[in-house]
Amino acid sequence: MTRAPRRPVNPLDAAEALFKPANKVAAAPAVERRALPNVKEPVSLKLDSDVLAYFQADGPGWQERINDALRAAMKDDR
């Protein structure tokens, strides 16, 4: 029984095998999920250092205080 060589003997065939297009698997479409109510999401936010110092001055809970201030600003805007 004759086996086929593991590598192509012809250099041109070897080069063609290297550049053979890869089979790409189609990515699953992104599923858009609705945000759950009252769920906090991590975000990156740039604040002036004096604003950050103001909210951090009272100790732990400064992120909640910023959230409360933003919520109050939302209500005032309406």
C-alpha atoms as a PDB file:
ATOM      1  CA  MET A   1       0.000   0.000   0.000  1.00  0.00           C
ATOM      2  CA  THR A   2       1.455   3.369  -1.059  1.00  0.00           C
ATOM      3  CA  ARG A   3       1.100   6.290   1.285  1.00  0.00           C
ATOM      4  CA  ALA A   4       0.861   9.861   0.130  1.00  0.00           C
ATOM      5  CA  PRO A   5       3.722  11.983   1.415  1.00  0.00           C
ATOM      6  CA  ARG A   6       2.895  14.116   4.437  1.00  0.00           C
ATOM      7  CA  ARG A   7       4.427  17.137   2.777  1.00  0.00           C
ATOM      8  CA  PRO A   8       4.107  18.063  -0.870  1.00  0.00           C
ATOM      9  CA  VAL A   9       7.204  17.110  -2.793  1.00  0.00           C
ATOM     10  CA  ASN A  10       6.808  19.936  -5.294  1.00  0.00           C
ATOM     11  CA  PRO A  11       7.811  23.332  -3.790  1.00  0.00           C
ATOM     12  CA  LEU A  12       5.055  25.078  -5.742  1.00  0.00           C
ATOM     13  CA  ASP A  13       2.443  22.756  -4.205  1.00  0.00           C
ATOM     14  CA  ALA A  14       3.952  23.409  -0.780  1.00  0.00           C
ATOM     15  CA  ALA A  15       3.648  27.186  -1.288  1.00  0.00           C
ATOM     16  CA  GLU A  16       0.080  26.843  -2.534  1.00  0.00           C
ATOM     17  CA  ALA A  17      -0.815  24.759   0.513  1.00  0.00           C
ATOM     18  CA  LEU A  18       0.533  27.486   2.817  1.00  0.00           C
ATOM     19  CA  PHE A  19      -1.515  30.196   1.162  1.00  0.00           C
ATOM     20  CA  LYS A  20      -4.669  28.171   0.771  1.00  0.00           C
ATOM     21  CA  PRO A  21      -7.604  30.260   2.031  1.00  0.00           C
ATOM     22  CA  ALA A  22      -8.693  29.357   5.525  1.00  0.00           C
ATOM     23  CA  ASN A  23     -12.246  28.285   6.148  1.00  0.00           C
ATOM     24  CA  LYS A  24     -13.697  31.089   8.207  1.00  0.00           C
ATOM     25  CA  VAL A  25     -16.512  30.310  10.560  1.00  0.00           C
ATOM     26  CA  ALA A  26     -19.183  32.986  10.465  1.00  0.00           C
ATOM     27  CA  ALA A  27     -19.480  34.740  13.793  1.00  0.00           C
ATOM     28  CA  ALA A  28     -22.789  34.416  15.522  1.00  0.00           C
ATOM     29  CA  PRO A  29     -24.809  37.609  15.293  1.00  0.00           C
ATOM     30  CA  ALA A  30     -24.634  39.751  18.407  1.00  0.00           C
ATOM     31  CA  VAL A  31     -27.680  39.437  20.589  1.00  0.00           C
ATOM     32  CA  GLU A  32     -28.922  42.766  21.855  1.00  0.00           C
ATOM     33  CA  ARG A  33     -30.046  42.403  25.421  1.00  0.00           C
ATOM     34  CA  ARG A  34     -32.271  44.853  27.188  1.00  0.00           C
ATOM     35  CA  ALA A  35     -30.799  46.380  30.293  1.00  0.00           C
ATOM     36  CA  LEU A  36     -32.359  45.166  33.490  1.00  0.00           C
ATOM     37  CA  PRO A  37     -33.907  47.921  35.574  1.00  0.00           C
ATOM     38  CA  ASN A  38     -31.809  49.232  38.464  1.00  0.00           C
ATOM     39  CA  VAL A  39     -28.719  47.275  37.450  1.00  0.00           C
ATOM     40  CA  LYS A  40     -25.458  49.169  37.713  1.00  0.00           C
ATOM     41  CA  GLU A  41     -23.100  49.027  34.755  1.00  0.00           C
ATOM     42  CA  PRO A  42     -19.357  49.593  34.951  1.00  0.00           C
ATOM     43  CA  VAL A  43     -18.255  52.629  32.946  1.00  0.00           C
ATOM     44  CA  SER A  44     -15.108  54.639  32.514  1.00  0.00           C
ATOM     45  CA  LEU A  45     -15.665  58.310  33.252  1.00  0.00           C
ATOM     46  CA  LYS A  46     -13.200  61.176  33.297  1.00  0.00           C
ATOM     47  CA  LEU A  47     -13.896  63.738  36.021  1.00  0.00           C
ATOM     48  CA  ASP A  48     -12.002  66.827  37.071  1.00  0.00           C
ATOM     49  CA  SER A  49      -9.797  66.073  40.057  1.00  0.00           C
ATOM     50  CA  ASP A  50     -11.552  68.640  42.265  1.00  0.00           C
ATOM     51  CA  VAL A  51     -14.963  67.098  41.505  1.00  0.00           C
ATOM     52  CA  LEU A  52     -13.649  63.657  42.360  1.00  0.00           C
ATOM     53  CA  ALA A  53     -12.032  64.944  45.569  1.00  0.00           C
ATOM     54  CA  TYR A  54     -15.348  66.547  46.581  1.00  0.00           C
ATOM     55  CA  PHE A  55     -17.256  63.263  46.337  1.00  0.00           C
ATOM     56  CA  GLN A  56     -14.454  61.185  47.870  1.00  0.00           C
ATOM     57  CA  ALA A  57     -14.036  63.554  50.847  1.00  0.00           C
ATOM     58  CA  ASP A  58     -16.904  61.903  52.749  1.00  0.00           C
ATOM     59  CA  GLY A  59     -15.309  58.464  52.428  1.00  0.00           C
ATOM     60  CA  PRO A  60     -16.741  55.238  51.022  1.00  0.00           C
ATOM     61  CA  GLY A  61     -19.881  55.500  48.949  1.00  0.00           C
ATOM     62  CA  TRP A  62     -18.569  58.260  46.707  1.00  0.00           C
ATOM     63  CA  GLN A  63     -19.688  56.443  43.563  1.00  0.00           C
ATOM     64  CA  GLU A  64     -23.242  56.246  44.877  1.00  0.00           C
ATOM     65  CA  ARG A  65     -23.114  59.955  45.718  1.00  0.00           C
ATOM     66  CA  ILE A  66     -22.041  60.762  42.166  1.00  0.00           C
ATOM     67  CA  ASN A  67     -24.869  58.545  40.900  1.00  0.00           C
ATOM     68  CA  ASP A  68     -27.366  60.387  43.136  1.00  0.00           C
ATOM     69  CA  ALA A  69     -26.104  63.781  41.906  1.00  0.00           C
ATOM     70  CA  LEU A  70     -26.444  62.677  38.281  1.00  0.00           C
ATOM     71  CA  ARG A  71     -29.939  61.326  38.945  1.00  0.00           C
ATOM     72  CA  ALA A  72     -30.935  64.649  40.555  1.00  0.00           C
ATOM     73  CA  ALA A  73     -29.570  66.489  37.512  1.00  0.00           C
ATOM     74  CA  MET A  74     -31.690  64.230  35.285  1.00  0.00           C
ATOM     75  CA  LYS A  75     -34.848  65.097  37.235  1.00  0.00           C
ATOM     76  CA  ASP A  76     -34.053  68.827  37.193  1.00  0.00           C
ATOM     77  CA  ASP A  77     -33.604  68.695  33.437  1.00  0.00           C
ATOM     78  CA  ARG A  78     -37.166  67.548  32.803  1.00  0.00           C
END
